[in-house]
N, C-alpha and C. Protein backbone atom coordinates (compact mmCIF):
# COMPACT_ATOMS: atom_id res chain seq x y z
N MET A 1 100.94 122.95 123.09
CA MET A 1 102.38 122.92 122.84
C MET A 1 102.92 121.54 123.24
N GLU A 2 103.74 120.96 122.37
CA GLU A 2 104.28 119.63 122.65
C GLU A 2 105.68 119.71 123.24
N ARG A 3 106.59 120.22 122.44
CA ARG A 3 107.96 120.43 122.87
C ARG A 3 108.25 121.91 122.78
N GLN A 4 109.23 122.35 123.49
CA GLN A 4 109.55 123.77 123.44
C GLN A 4 109.81 124.20 122.00
N GLY A 5 109.08 125.20 121.53
CA GLY A 5 109.25 125.73 120.19
C GLY A 5 108.49 124.97 119.12
N ARG A 6 107.77 123.91 119.47
CA ARG A 6 107.05 123.12 118.48
C ARG A 6 105.59 122.98 118.90
N LEU A 7 104.69 123.40 118.03
CA LEU A 7 103.26 123.34 118.32
C LEU A 7 102.65 122.05 117.78
N ARG A 8 101.50 121.72 118.31
CA ARG A 8 100.77 120.55 117.81
C ARG A 8 100.37 120.78 116.37
N ALA A 9 100.68 119.83 115.52
CA ALA A 9 100.32 119.94 114.10
C ALA A 9 98.90 119.44 113.90
N PRO A 10 98.17 120.05 112.97
CA PRO A 10 96.81 119.58 112.69
C PRO A 10 96.84 118.23 111.97
N PHE A 11 95.70 117.56 111.99
CA PHE A 11 95.58 116.25 111.36
C PHE A 11 95.97 116.30 109.88
N TRP A 12 95.54 117.36 109.19
CA TRP A 12 95.80 117.41 107.76
C TRP A 12 97.30 117.51 107.45
N PHE A 13 98.10 118.05 108.38
CA PHE A 13 99.56 118.07 108.20
C PHE A 13 100.08 116.64 108.05
N TYR A 14 99.63 115.75 108.94
CA TYR A 14 100.06 114.35 108.87
C TYR A 14 99.55 113.67 107.60
N LEU A 15 98.35 114.02 107.19
CA LEU A 15 97.79 113.47 105.96
C LEU A 15 98.66 113.86 104.76
N VAL A 16 99.02 115.13 104.67
CA VAL A 16 99.89 115.61 103.59
C VAL A 16 101.25 114.92 103.68
N ALA A 17 101.80 114.80 104.87
CA ALA A 17 103.11 114.16 105.04
C ALA A 17 103.07 112.70 104.59
N VAL A 18 101.99 111.99 104.90
CA VAL A 18 101.87 110.58 104.48
C VAL A 18 101.74 110.49 102.96
N VAL A 19 100.95 111.38 102.35
CA VAL A 19 100.83 111.39 100.89
C VAL A 19 102.19 111.66 100.25
N LEU A 20 102.95 112.61 100.79
CA LEU A 20 104.28 112.90 100.25
C LEU A 20 105.23 111.71 100.46
N LEU A 21 105.08 111.01 101.58
CA LEU A 21 105.90 109.82 101.81
C LEU A 21 105.56 108.73 100.79
N LEU A 22 104.29 108.53 100.51
CA LEU A 22 103.89 107.54 99.50
C LEU A 22 104.39 107.94 98.11
N TRP A 23 104.34 109.23 97.80
CA TRP A 23 104.90 109.74 96.54
C TRP A 23 106.40 109.42 96.49
N GLY A 24 107.09 109.61 97.62
CA GLY A 24 108.51 109.29 97.69
C GLY A 24 108.78 107.81 97.49
N VAL A 25 107.95 106.97 98.06
CA VAL A 25 108.09 105.51 97.88
C VAL A 25 107.94 105.17 96.40
N MET A 26 106.95 105.76 95.75
CA MET A 26 106.76 105.49 94.32
C MET A 26 107.99 105.91 93.51
N GLY A 27 108.60 107.03 93.87
CA GLY A 27 109.80 107.48 93.19
C GLY A 27 110.97 106.53 93.39
N VAL A 28 111.14 106.07 94.62
CA VAL A 28 112.22 105.12 94.92
C VAL A 28 112.02 103.82 94.14
N VAL A 29 110.79 103.32 94.12
CA VAL A 29 110.49 102.09 93.38
C VAL A 29 110.78 102.28 91.89
N ALA A 30 110.37 103.42 91.32
CA ALA A 30 110.62 103.70 89.91
C ALA A 30 112.12 103.76 89.62
N CYS A 31 112.88 104.36 90.52
CA CYS A 31 114.33 104.46 90.35
C CYS A 31 114.97 103.07 90.39
N VAL A 32 114.58 102.27 91.36
CA VAL A 32 115.13 100.91 91.47
C VAL A 32 114.79 100.12 90.21
N GLN A 33 113.56 100.26 89.74
CA GLN A 33 113.16 99.56 88.52
C GLN A 33 114.00 100.01 87.33
N GLN A 34 114.26 101.31 87.21
CA GLN A 34 115.07 101.79 86.09
C GLN A 34 116.49 101.25 86.18
N VAL A 35 117.05 101.22 87.36
CA VAL A 35 118.41 100.70 87.52
C VAL A 35 118.43 99.20 87.19
N ARG A 36 117.41 98.47 87.64
CA ARG A 36 117.33 97.02 87.39
C ARG A 36 117.03 96.68 85.94
N LEU A 37 116.06 97.38 85.34
CA LEU A 37 115.54 96.99 84.04
C LEU A 37 115.97 97.90 82.89
N GLY A 38 116.56 99.04 83.20
CA GLY A 38 116.98 99.96 82.15
C GLY A 38 115.79 100.54 81.42
N ALA A 39 115.89 100.60 80.10
CA ALA A 39 114.86 101.22 79.27
C ALA A 39 113.52 100.49 79.37
N GLU A 40 113.52 99.24 79.76
CA GLU A 40 112.29 98.44 79.85
C GLU A 40 111.53 98.68 81.16
N ALA A 41 112.00 99.58 82.00
CA ALA A 41 111.40 99.80 83.33
C ALA A 41 109.93 100.18 83.26
N MET A 42 109.53 100.90 82.25
CA MET A 42 108.14 101.36 82.14
C MET A 42 107.34 100.53 81.15
N GLY A 43 107.82 99.35 80.82
CA GLY A 43 107.13 98.50 79.85
C GLY A 43 108.01 98.31 78.62
N PRO A 44 107.44 97.71 77.59
CA PRO A 44 108.24 97.46 76.38
C PRO A 44 108.82 98.77 75.84
N ALA A 45 110.12 98.78 75.61
CA ALA A 45 110.81 99.98 75.16
C ALA A 45 111.03 99.93 73.66
N SER A 46 111.03 101.11 73.07
CA SER A 46 111.34 101.23 71.64
C SER A 46 112.85 101.18 71.45
N ASP A 47 113.28 101.07 70.20
CA ASP A 47 114.71 101.13 69.92
C ASP A 47 115.29 102.46 70.39
N TYR A 48 114.52 103.55 70.20
CA TYR A 48 114.98 104.87 70.64
C TYR A 48 115.20 104.87 72.16
N ASP A 49 114.23 104.32 72.92
CA ASP A 49 114.35 104.29 74.38
C ASP A 49 115.59 103.52 74.81
N ARG A 50 115.85 102.37 74.16
CA ARG A 50 117.02 101.57 74.52
C ARG A 50 118.32 102.31 74.21
N GLN A 51 118.35 102.97 73.05
CA GLN A 51 119.56 103.73 72.69
C GLN A 51 119.77 104.91 73.63
N LEU A 52 118.69 105.60 73.96
CA LEU A 52 118.79 106.73 74.89
C LEU A 52 119.30 106.26 76.24
N TYR A 53 118.71 105.21 76.77
CA TYR A 53 119.13 104.73 78.08
C TYR A 53 120.59 104.28 78.06
N ALA A 54 121.00 103.60 76.99
CA ALA A 54 122.39 103.14 76.88
C ALA A 54 123.37 104.32 76.82
N ALA A 55 122.91 105.46 76.30
CA ALA A 55 123.78 106.63 76.15
C ALA A 55 123.81 107.52 77.40
N LEU A 56 122.98 107.24 78.41
CA LEU A 56 122.99 108.07 79.62
C LEU A 56 124.34 107.97 80.31
N PRO A 57 124.85 109.10 80.80
CA PRO A 57 126.13 109.04 81.53
C PRO A 57 125.96 108.28 82.85
N GLY A 58 127.06 107.78 83.38
CA GLY A 58 127.03 107.01 84.62
C GLY A 58 126.42 107.75 85.80
N TRP A 59 126.57 109.04 85.84
CA TRP A 59 126.05 109.82 86.97
C TRP A 59 124.54 109.99 86.91
N TYR A 60 123.92 109.71 85.76
CA TYR A 60 122.50 109.99 85.60
C TYR A 60 121.64 109.21 86.60
N ASN A 61 121.88 107.93 86.73
CA ASN A 61 121.10 107.14 87.70
C ASN A 61 121.44 107.54 89.13
N VAL A 62 122.66 108.01 89.35
CA VAL A 62 123.04 108.47 90.69
C VAL A 62 122.22 109.72 91.05
N ILE A 63 122.12 110.67 90.12
CA ILE A 63 121.36 111.89 90.41
C ILE A 63 119.88 111.57 90.55
N TYR A 64 119.40 110.59 89.79
CA TYR A 64 118.02 110.13 89.94
C TYR A 64 117.81 109.58 91.34
N ALA A 65 118.73 108.75 91.81
CA ALA A 65 118.63 108.19 93.16
C ALA A 65 118.69 109.28 94.22
N VAL A 66 119.53 110.28 94.02
CA VAL A 66 119.60 111.41 94.97
C VAL A 66 118.27 112.15 94.98
N ALA A 67 117.70 112.38 93.80
CA ALA A 67 116.42 113.11 93.70
C ALA A 67 115.32 112.39 94.47
N VAL A 68 115.14 111.10 94.19
CA VAL A 68 114.04 110.38 94.84
C VAL A 68 114.37 110.02 96.28
N GLY A 69 115.63 109.72 96.55
CA GLY A 69 116.03 109.37 97.92
C GLY A 69 115.89 110.53 98.87
N SER A 70 116.34 111.71 98.45
CA SER A 70 116.21 112.88 99.33
C SER A 70 114.75 113.31 99.46
N GLY A 71 113.96 113.13 98.41
CA GLY A 71 112.54 113.42 98.51
C GLY A 71 111.84 112.49 99.49
N PHE A 72 112.16 111.20 99.42
CA PHE A 72 111.59 110.23 100.35
C PHE A 72 112.02 110.54 101.79
N LEU A 73 113.32 110.77 101.98
CA LEU A 73 113.81 111.08 103.32
C LEU A 73 113.25 112.40 103.84
N GLY A 74 113.06 113.37 102.94
CA GLY A 74 112.45 114.63 103.34
C GLY A 74 111.03 114.42 103.84
N ALA A 75 110.27 113.57 103.15
CA ALA A 75 108.90 113.27 103.58
C ALA A 75 108.90 112.53 104.92
N ALA A 76 109.85 111.61 105.09
CA ALA A 76 109.95 110.91 106.38
C ALA A 76 110.31 111.89 107.48
N ALA A 77 111.22 112.82 107.20
CA ALA A 77 111.59 113.84 108.18
C ALA A 77 110.40 114.75 108.49
N LEU A 78 109.63 115.07 107.47
CA LEU A 78 108.43 115.89 107.68
C LEU A 78 107.46 115.16 108.61
N LEU A 79 107.23 113.89 108.35
CA LEU A 79 106.33 113.10 109.18
C LEU A 79 106.85 113.02 110.62
N ALA A 80 108.18 112.96 110.76
CA ALA A 80 108.79 112.94 112.09
C ALA A 80 108.90 114.34 112.69
N ARG A 81 108.48 115.34 111.92
CA ARG A 81 108.49 116.74 112.33
C ARG A 81 109.90 117.27 112.57
N SER A 82 110.80 116.79 111.73
CA SER A 82 112.20 117.20 111.83
C SER A 82 112.47 118.41 110.93
N PRO A 83 113.28 119.34 111.40
CA PRO A 83 113.63 120.49 110.57
C PRO A 83 114.51 120.11 109.36
N LEU A 84 115.01 118.88 109.31
CA LEU A 84 115.80 118.43 108.16
C LEU A 84 114.96 118.29 106.90
N ALA A 85 113.64 118.24 107.06
CA ALA A 85 112.76 118.03 105.91
C ALA A 85 113.03 119.05 104.81
N ARG A 86 113.08 120.31 105.15
CA ARG A 86 113.26 121.36 104.14
C ARG A 86 114.57 121.19 103.38
N ALA A 87 115.66 120.94 104.09
CA ALA A 87 116.97 120.78 103.44
C ALA A 87 116.95 119.56 102.50
N LEU A 88 116.35 118.48 102.93
CA LEU A 88 116.27 117.29 102.09
C LEU A 88 115.41 117.55 100.85
N PHE A 89 114.33 118.28 101.02
CA PHE A 89 113.49 118.62 99.87
C PHE A 89 114.23 119.55 98.90
N ILE A 90 115.05 120.45 99.42
CA ILE A 90 115.84 121.33 98.54
C ILE A 90 116.83 120.50 97.73
N VAL A 91 117.48 119.54 98.35
CA VAL A 91 118.40 118.64 97.63
C VAL A 91 117.62 117.94 96.51
N SER A 92 116.42 117.50 96.81
CA SER A 92 115.60 116.82 95.81
C SER A 92 115.27 117.74 94.63
N VAL A 93 114.87 118.97 94.90
CA VAL A 93 114.56 119.93 93.82
C VAL A 93 115.78 120.13 92.93
N VAL A 94 116.94 120.33 93.53
CA VAL A 94 118.16 120.56 92.75
C VAL A 94 118.48 119.33 91.91
N ALA A 95 118.37 118.14 92.49
CA ALA A 95 118.67 116.91 91.75
C ALA A 95 117.67 116.68 90.62
N VAL A 96 116.40 116.95 90.86
CA VAL A 96 115.38 116.82 89.81
C VAL A 96 115.69 117.79 88.67
N ALA A 97 116.04 119.03 89.01
CA ALA A 97 116.36 120.02 87.98
C ALA A 97 117.58 119.60 87.16
N ILE A 98 118.59 119.06 87.82
CA ILE A 98 119.77 118.58 87.09
C ILE A 98 119.40 117.40 86.21
N GLN A 99 118.68 116.45 86.77
CA GLN A 99 118.30 115.24 86.03
C GLN A 99 117.54 115.58 84.75
N PHE A 100 116.44 116.29 84.88
CA PHE A 100 115.62 116.58 83.71
C PHE A 100 116.22 117.69 82.85
N GLY A 101 116.89 118.65 83.48
CA GLY A 101 117.55 119.69 82.70
C GLY A 101 118.56 119.10 81.74
N TRP A 102 119.38 118.18 82.25
CA TRP A 102 120.37 117.53 81.38
C TRP A 102 119.67 116.72 80.30
N LEU A 103 118.67 115.94 80.69
CA LEU A 103 117.97 115.08 79.73
C LEU A 103 117.41 115.89 78.57
N PHE A 104 116.78 117.03 78.88
CA PHE A 104 116.15 117.82 77.83
C PHE A 104 117.16 118.66 77.05
N ALA A 105 118.24 119.08 77.69
CA ALA A 105 119.24 119.91 77.01
C ALA A 105 120.26 119.09 76.22
N ALA A 106 120.59 117.90 76.70
CA ALA A 106 121.68 117.14 76.10
C ALA A 106 121.22 116.00 75.18
N THR A 107 119.93 115.76 75.10
CA THR A 107 119.44 114.71 74.22
C THR A 107 118.38 115.28 73.28
N ASP A 108 117.97 114.48 72.34
CA ASP A 108 116.94 114.90 71.38
C ASP A 108 115.57 114.31 71.74
N ILE A 109 115.36 113.99 73.01
CA ILE A 109 114.13 113.32 73.41
C ILE A 109 112.87 114.13 73.08
N ILE A 110 112.92 115.44 73.22
CA ILE A 110 111.74 116.26 72.91
C ILE A 110 111.46 116.22 71.41
N ALA A 111 112.50 116.33 70.60
CA ALA A 111 112.31 116.27 69.14
C ALA A 111 111.83 114.88 68.72
N ALA A 112 112.34 113.85 69.36
CA ALA A 112 112.00 112.48 68.97
C ALA A 112 110.60 112.07 69.40
N LYS A 113 110.18 112.50 70.59
CA LYS A 113 108.90 112.03 71.13
C LYS A 113 107.84 113.12 71.21
N GLY A 114 108.25 114.36 71.14
CA GLY A 114 107.31 115.47 71.21
C GLY A 114 107.19 116.01 72.63
N ALA A 115 107.10 117.32 72.73
CA ALA A 115 107.02 117.97 74.03
C ALA A 115 105.79 117.54 74.82
N ALA A 116 104.66 117.37 74.15
CA ALA A 116 103.42 116.99 74.84
C ALA A 116 103.52 115.61 75.48
N THR A 117 104.37 114.76 74.93
CA THR A 117 104.56 113.42 75.48
C THR A 117 105.59 113.41 76.60
N VAL A 118 106.64 114.20 76.43
CA VAL A 118 107.81 114.11 77.30
C VAL A 118 107.76 115.06 78.51
N LEU A 119 107.21 116.24 78.35
CA LEU A 119 107.33 117.26 79.40
C LEU A 119 106.34 117.18 80.57
N PRO A 120 105.10 116.77 80.40
CA PRO A 120 104.14 116.89 81.51
C PRO A 120 104.57 116.20 82.81
N PHE A 121 105.01 114.95 82.76
CA PHE A 121 105.33 114.26 84.01
C PHE A 121 106.55 114.86 84.70
N PRO A 122 107.65 115.16 83.99
CA PRO A 122 108.75 115.85 84.66
C PRO A 122 108.36 117.20 85.26
N ILE A 123 107.48 117.94 84.58
CA ILE A 123 107.01 119.22 85.14
C ILE A 123 106.23 118.96 86.42
N LEU A 124 105.38 117.93 86.42
CA LEU A 124 104.64 117.56 87.63
C LEU A 124 105.61 117.18 88.76
N ILE A 125 106.62 116.38 88.45
CA ILE A 125 107.61 115.96 89.45
C ILE A 125 108.31 117.17 90.05
N LEU A 126 108.79 118.08 89.20
CA LEU A 126 109.47 119.28 89.69
C LEU A 126 108.50 120.14 90.50
N GLY A 127 107.27 120.26 90.04
CA GLY A 127 106.27 121.04 90.78
C GLY A 127 106.01 120.49 92.16
N ILE A 128 105.88 119.18 92.26
CA ILE A 128 105.66 118.56 93.58
C ILE A 128 106.88 118.76 94.46
N ALA A 129 108.07 118.64 93.89
CA ALA A 129 109.29 118.85 94.69
C ALA A 129 109.35 120.28 95.23
N ILE A 130 108.96 121.24 94.42
CA ILE A 130 108.94 122.64 94.87
C ILE A 130 107.88 122.84 95.97
N VAL A 131 106.73 122.23 95.80
CA VAL A 131 105.67 122.32 96.82
C VAL A 131 106.14 121.68 98.13
N GLU A 132 106.92 120.61 98.04
CA GLU A 132 107.45 119.98 99.26
C GLU A 132 108.32 120.96 100.05
N VAL A 133 109.18 121.68 99.35
CA VAL A 133 110.02 122.69 100.01
C VAL A 133 109.13 123.75 100.66
N TRP A 134 108.16 124.24 99.89
CA TRP A 134 107.25 125.26 100.42
C TRP A 134 106.50 124.74 101.65
N PHE A 135 106.00 123.50 101.58
CA PHE A 135 105.22 122.96 102.68
C PHE A 135 106.07 122.78 103.94
N ALA A 136 107.30 122.32 103.78
CA ALA A 136 108.20 122.18 104.94
C ALA A 136 108.46 123.54 105.56
N ASP A 137 108.66 124.54 104.72
CA ASP A 137 108.87 125.89 105.24
C ASP A 137 107.61 126.42 105.93
N TYR A 138 106.47 126.17 105.35
CA TYR A 138 105.18 126.55 105.94
C TYR A 138 105.02 125.90 107.31
N ALA A 139 105.31 124.61 107.38
CA ALA A 139 105.19 123.88 108.65
C ALA A 139 106.17 124.41 109.69
N ARG A 140 107.37 124.77 109.24
CA ARG A 140 108.36 125.34 110.17
C ARG A 140 107.88 126.69 110.71
N ARG A 141 107.35 127.53 109.82
CA ARG A 141 106.85 128.84 110.25
C ARG A 141 105.67 128.71 111.22
N ARG A 142 104.88 127.67 111.09
CA ARG A 142 103.75 127.44 111.97
C ARG A 142 104.16 126.75 113.28
N GLY A 143 105.42 126.34 113.36
CA GLY A 143 105.92 125.68 114.56
C GLY A 143 105.59 124.20 114.63
N TRP A 144 105.23 123.59 113.50
CA TRP A 144 104.89 122.18 113.50
C TRP A 144 106.11 121.28 113.35
N ILE A 145 107.17 121.82 112.77
CA ILE A 145 108.44 121.08 112.70
C ILE A 145 109.52 121.98 113.28
N GLY A 146 110.56 121.36 113.72
CA GLY A 146 111.65 122.17 114.27
C GLY A 146 112.10 121.73 115.63
C-alpha cells in the first residue's frame, strides 16, 4: 500500500499509461498540424479535401482540440494515478463522438471517398477512447488510482 486507499500499481499499468500518453501526443500533434496546415495536414490534399476543410464550422477544430487535449490530459492523469483520468477520458469520448458524428452525418465524405476509406481510423480512435475510460475505471476499482 502506498497511500491510504491506493495500492501499488503493477508495471504493466505504467506501460499502458505511457502508451496511452504517446497516443495522446500523436493526437495533439495531428490536431496542431490540421489547424496549421488545414486540408494539407496529412499530405497533398485533393480539391474535395480542400473544399471539405473550408466548409467545416468554426467549432470543429475546437471540438477536435477538446477530444485530443482531454485524451492527452487523461493519460497524463492516469500516469500520475489521479482519479481525474476517467472524467478526462469521458470528455474525450464525447468530443470524439461529436467530431466524427457531425462529420459523417453533415457531410458527404462517406459517399465521396467510400466507407472503407473513411470509417476505419475514426472507429479505431473512438474504440481507443472507450478503452481509455474502461481502463481508468478498472485501475480505480483495483485501487491503483484515486
